[in-house]
Protein backbone atom coordinates (compact mmCIF):
# COMPACT_ATOMS: atom_id res chain seq x y z
CA MET A 1 99.23 117.52 73.81
CA LYS A 2 100.10 116.45 77.34
CA LYS A 3 103.38 117.08 79.15
CA ARG A 4 106.27 115.42 77.33
CA LYS A 5 109.85 114.88 78.41
CA TYR A 6 111.60 115.85 75.21
CA VAL A 7 112.08 118.63 72.76
CA ILE A 8 109.77 118.29 69.77
CA ILE A 9 111.13 118.57 66.25
CA PHE A 10 108.78 120.28 63.87
CA LEU A 11 108.57 121.41 60.27
CA LEU A 12 107.00 124.69 59.27
CA GLY A 13 106.04 126.65 56.23
CA PHE A 14 105.56 125.91 52.63
CA LEU A 15 108.05 125.37 49.82
CA PHE A 16 111.66 124.36 50.40
CA THR A 17 114.31 127.00 50.05
CA ASN A 18 117.88 127.27 51.29
CA LEU A 19 117.67 129.76 54.13
CA GLY A 20 121.38 130.03 54.86
CA ALA A 21 122.96 131.15 58.10
CA GLN A 22 121.01 134.41 58.44
CA PRO A 23 117.43 133.61 57.44
CA VAL A 24 115.84 136.83 58.69
CA LYS A 25 118.46 139.02 57.03
CA MET A 26 117.92 137.06 53.82
CA HIS A 27 114.13 136.71 53.86
CA GLY A 28 112.91 139.48 56.14
CA GLN A 29 109.22 140.05 56.78
CA LEU A 30 107.09 136.93 56.31
CA LEU A 31 103.69 137.22 54.65
CA VAL A 32 100.79 134.99 53.66
CA ASN A 33 99.93 134.85 49.97
CA GLY A 34 96.93 132.62 49.36
CA ILE A 35 97.78 129.37 51.12
CA GLN A 36 101.53 129.93 51.07
CA LEU A 37 103.99 131.47 53.48
CA VAL A 38 106.27 133.79 51.51
CA ASP A 39 109.22 136.03 52.28
CA GLN A 40 109.65 139.75 51.72
CA ASN A 41 110.32 139.11 48.03
CA GLY A 42 107.16 137.06 47.57
CA GLU A 43 109.08 133.79 47.33
CA PRO A 44 107.58 130.71 49.03
CA ILE A 45 109.55 129.72 52.11
CA ILE A 46 109.79 126.84 54.54
CA LEU A 47 111.07 127.19 58.09
CA ARG A 48 112.59 124.24 59.93
CA GLY A 49 113.35 124.17 63.58
CA VAL A 50 112.63 123.05 67.11
CA SER A 51 109.98 123.65 69.73
CA TYR A 52 111.11 124.06 73.30
CA GLY A 53 109.10 122.22 75.93
CA TRP A 54 106.85 124.01 78.41
CA HIS A 55 108.92 126.81 79.93
CA ASN A 56 107.63 126.10 83.45
CA TRP A 57 108.93 122.50 83.42
CA TRP A 58 112.15 122.94 81.45
CA PRO A 59 113.38 126.50 82.05
CA ARG A 60 117.00 125.32 82.01
CA PHE A 61 116.84 125.13 78.21
CA TYR A 62 115.54 128.69 77.84
CA ASN A 63 118.84 130.48 77.29
CA LYS A 64 120.86 132.08 74.52
CA GLU A 65 123.35 129.22 74.43
CA SER A 66 120.71 126.67 73.42
CA VAL A 67 119.32 128.95 70.70
CA LYS A 68 122.77 129.51 69.22
CA TRP A 69 123.51 125.79 69.35
CA LEU A 70 120.27 124.90 67.58
CA ARG A 71 121.05 127.44 64.88
CA ASP A 72 124.66 126.34 64.41
CA ASP A 73 124.44 122.58 64.95
CA TRP A 74 120.92 121.72 63.80
CA LYS A 75 120.76 124.58 61.28
CA ALA A 76 117.44 125.65 62.78
CA THR A 77 115.89 128.69 61.14
CA VAL A 78 113.11 128.97 63.73
CA VAL A 79 112.54 128.09 67.37
CA ARG A 80 109.27 127.94 69.28
CA ALA A 81 109.15 129.33 72.81
CA ALA A 82 106.31 127.57 74.64
CA MET A 83 104.77 129.75 77.35
CA GLY A 84 103.16 127.31 79.76
CA VAL A 85 99.99 128.95 81.04
CA ASP A 86 98.03 126.78 83.48
CA PRO A 87 100.47 124.58 85.45
CA GLU A 88 102.51 125.52 88.49
CA ARG A 89 105.10 128.18 87.57
CA GLY A 90 103.09 128.94 84.43
CA TYR A 91 101.99 132.40 83.33
CA ILE A 92 98.83 132.47 85.48
CA ARG A 93 100.74 131.89 88.72
CA SER A 94 104.22 133.23 87.92
CA LYS A 95 103.74 135.99 85.37
CA GLU A 96 106.93 138.01 85.70
CA TRP A 97 109.25 135.00 85.83
CA SER A 98 107.43 133.38 82.92
CA VAL A 99 107.76 136.42 80.68
CA GLU A 100 111.42 136.80 81.63
CA THR A 101 112.06 133.14 80.76
CA ILE A 102 110.32 133.33 77.37
CA GLU A 103 112.08 136.56 76.46
CA LYS A 104 115.47 134.91 76.85
CA VAL A 105 114.65 132.77 73.82
CA ILE A 106 113.06 135.62 71.87
CA ASP A 107 116.07 137.88 72.45
CA ALA A 108 118.49 135.09 71.53
CA ALA A 109 116.59 134.29 68.33
CA ILE A 110 116.77 137.93 67.28
CA GLU A 111 120.46 138.07 68.17
CA ASN A 112 121.11 134.93 66.11
CA ASP A 113 118.93 136.18 63.22
CA ILE A 114 116.43 133.33 63.19
CA TYR A 115 112.64 133.38 63.45
CA VAL A 116 110.86 132.71 66.74
CA ILE A 117 107.32 131.55 67.46
CA VAL A 118 105.89 132.93 70.69
CA ASP A 119 103.47 130.20 71.73
CA TRP A 120 100.63 130.58 74.27
CA HIS A 121 100.88 126.98 75.45
CA SER A 122 97.46 126.27 76.92
CA HIS A 123 94.56 123.89 76.35
CA THR A 124 91.87 126.20 77.74
CA ILE A 125 90.71 129.75 77.09
CA HIS A 126 92.29 132.55 79.14
CA GLN A 127 91.32 135.51 77.00
CA LYS A 128 92.19 138.35 79.39
CA GLU A 129 95.60 136.91 80.20
CA ALA A 130 96.38 136.06 76.57
CA ILE A 131 95.57 139.59 75.42
CA GLU A 132 97.71 141.03 78.20
CA PHE A 133 100.63 138.79 77.25
CA PHE A 134 100.48 139.30 73.50
CA GLU A 135 100.03 143.06 73.82
CA HIS A 136 103.24 143.10 75.84
CA ILE A 137 105.08 140.97 73.28
CA ALA A 138 103.75 143.05 70.37
CA ARG A 139 104.82 146.31 72.00
CA LYS A 140 108.29 145.00 72.74
CA TYR A 141 108.96 142.94 69.61
CA GLY A 142 106.30 143.82 67.05
CA ASP A 143 108.73 145.83 64.94
CA LYS A 144 110.97 142.76 64.54
CA PRO A 145 110.29 140.53 61.52
CA HIS A 146 111.68 137.60 63.52
CA VAL A 147 108.49 137.16 65.58
CA LEU A 148 105.44 134.98 64.91
CA TYR A 149 102.54 134.76 67.38
CA GLU A 150 100.91 131.39 68.14
CA ILE A 151 97.87 132.50 70.10
CA PHE A 152 96.43 129.15 71.27
CA ASN A 153 98.62 126.07 71.36
CA GLU A 154 95.96 123.35 71.41
CA PRO A 155 92.30 124.00 72.17
CA GLU A 156 91.36 120.70 73.74
CA ARG A 157 87.68 119.89 74.22
CA ILE A 158 86.36 123.26 73.02
CA GLN A 159 84.20 123.86 69.98
CA TRP A 160 85.30 126.15 67.14
CA GLU A 161 82.78 128.91 67.93
CA PRO A 162 84.35 129.93 71.29
CA VAL A 163 87.86 129.33 69.94
CA LYS A 164 87.10 131.57 66.98
CA LYS A 165 85.66 134.29 69.23
CA TYR A 166 88.71 134.13 71.50
CA SER A 167 91.06 134.20 68.52
CA ILE A 168 89.43 137.27 66.99
CA GLU A 169 89.80 139.19 70.26
CA VAL A 170 93.48 138.28 70.59
CA ILE A 171 94.17 139.00 66.92
CA GLN A 172 92.56 142.43 67.24
CA ALA A 173 94.73 143.19 70.27
CA ILE A 174 97.91 142.20 68.44
CA ARG A 175 96.97 143.98 65.22
CA SER A 176 96.32 147.23 67.10
CA ILE A 177 100.06 147.23 67.81
CA ASP A 178 101.68 145.02 65.18
CA PRO A 179 99.96 145.10 61.77
CA ASP A 180 102.28 142.70 59.96
CA ASN A 181 103.80 139.70 61.71
CA ILE A 182 102.32 136.25 61.18
CA ILE A 183 99.62 135.11 63.62
CA LEU A 184 99.03 131.36 64.04
CA VAL A 185 95.53 130.26 65.05
CA GLY A 186 94.71 126.95 66.74
CA SER A 187 91.70 124.74 66.07
CA PRO A 188 89.70 122.40 68.33
CA HIS A 189 90.83 118.98 69.50
CA TRP A 190 94.56 119.60 69.64
CA CYS A 191 94.65 121.47 66.31
CA GLN A 192 93.02 118.62 64.41
CA ASP A 193 89.72 120.18 63.26
CA LEU A 194 90.93 122.11 60.25
CA HIS A 195 87.98 120.87 58.21
CA ILE A 196 85.65 122.75 60.58
CA VAL A 197 87.78 125.88 60.39
CA ALA A 198 87.72 125.65 56.60
CA ASP A 199 83.93 125.99 56.58
CA ASP A 200 83.90 128.97 58.96
CA PRO A 201 87.25 130.80 58.83
CA ILE A 202 88.21 134.05 60.49
CA ILE A 203 87.95 136.92 58.01
CA GLY A 204 89.08 140.53 57.93
CA PHE A 205 92.75 140.06 58.87
CA ASP A 206 95.93 139.57 56.86
CA ASN A 207 98.81 137.20 57.56
CA LEU A 208 96.85 134.56 59.47
CA MET A 209 97.62 130.85 59.30
CA TYR A 210 96.02 127.88 61.04
CA THR A 211 98.12 125.34 62.90
CA VAL A 212 98.09 121.58 62.58
CA HIS A 213 99.78 119.36 65.17
CA PHE A 214 100.49 115.74 64.39
CA TYR A 215 102.25 112.80 66.02
CA ALA A 216 102.99 110.34 63.27
CA ALA A 217 102.29 107.12 65.17
CA THR A 218 98.79 108.40 65.98
CA HIS A 219 97.75 110.85 63.26
CA LYS A 220 97.79 109.46 59.76
CA GLN A 221 95.92 109.79 56.47
CA GLY A 222 92.69 110.94 58.09
CA LEU A 223 94.32 114.11 59.38
CA ARG A 224 96.10 114.69 56.08
CA ASP A 225 92.71 114.45 54.37
CA ARG A 226 91.39 117.17 56.69
CA CYS A 227 94.39 119.32 55.82
CA MET A 228 93.85 118.81 52.10
CA TYR A 229 90.22 119.82 52.45
CA ALA A 230 91.25 122.99 54.28
CA LEU A 231 93.84 123.81 51.64
CA SER A 232 91.26 123.30 48.91
CA LYS A 233 89.11 125.92 50.66
CA GLY A 234 91.99 128.42 50.73
CA ILE A 235 93.03 127.90 54.36
CA PRO A 236 96.81 128.36 54.90
CA ILE A 237 98.27 125.71 57.21
CA PHE A 238 101.31 125.88 59.46
CA ALA A 239 102.66 122.76 61.22
CA SER A 240 103.97 124.14 64.49
CA GLU A 241 104.28 120.91 66.50
CA THR A 242 105.06 117.47 65.13
CA ALA A 243 106.87 114.32 66.16
CA GLY A 244 107.20 110.68 65.22
CA MET A 245 105.81 108.90 68.27
CA GLU A 246 102.28 108.60 69.65
CA ALA A 247 100.31 111.66 70.73
CA THR A 248 100.73 110.53 74.35
CA GLY A 249 104.48 110.94 74.03
CA ASN A 250 104.92 107.17 74.40
CA GLY A 251 105.62 104.33 72.03
CA PRO A 252 108.24 103.90 69.30
CA ILE A 253 108.80 106.42 66.55
CA ASN A 254 106.88 105.51 63.41
CA HIS A 255 109.56 106.42 60.90
CA ALA A 256 107.56 105.39 57.85
CA GLU A 257 104.49 107.44 58.76
CA TRP A 258 106.58 110.43 59.77
CA GLN A 259 108.31 110.29 56.39
CA THR A 260 104.90 110.15 54.73
CA TRP A 261 103.99 113.36 56.53
CA ILE A 262 107.25 115.03 55.49
CA ASP A 263 106.76 113.95 51.88
CA TRP A 264 103.19 115.24 51.94
CA MET A 265 104.30 118.63 53.26
CA GLU A 266 107.00 118.91 50.61
CA GLN A 267 104.75 117.77 47.77
CA SER A 268 101.75 119.87 48.70
CA LYS A 269 103.89 123.02 48.65
CA SER A 270 101.36 124.50 50.99
CA ALA A 271 101.73 122.90 54.40
CA GLY A 272 104.67 122.83 56.76
């Protein structure tokens, strides 16, 4: 979605489990089994945590102190480092500084033994740059079970065919270096079109999941119905960005609808 002036709370994964203070030590390498995210022992797992805002607008939060605080105070088991791509001071214009900023959160997550989503936070396709970035991350961190790759934050007004083609190229680049860690794939219209993905999924790769993003005051039963259709077709879903207000970032929090989403994720046992 558009630029927002807050940190977004989000729920991830699949079936509730008590992760404890050292989730990676306890659960290790994450895998996809059917439509469920599971740990190294094959047990369904849910991750709960926080997404940082665009690194180029809020770099002051990208530090080891904030990661440790989120782990200790909020009991976060995952954080999401959002690599802003297009805006001023984003990856396209300020590559070295951007990578350095993102890696502060990745390094701190590993140090604090929590999972970290490395998010390519763009609304448009930049295939060459995305491959370059994720190859670097895979080479540096691909041997760490802490890392998940989110390869396209929110394809905006782009159809599934070019998004799918882009995703396959980026997945191939990552898998040539890191064969195991979870890769999260976006879908058109701000990760809303899971019903379209369900009818034409990416095949030939393991440990892929498809992201859904919802803002509870805007996205309601219609989007849940799309998710249920995707799940019925065997598509694993990962909620990597959610909040209670409108998709614009404005308006009051819709507590009732947000709770409905949380209940749905818990009850379905197959969507974060």
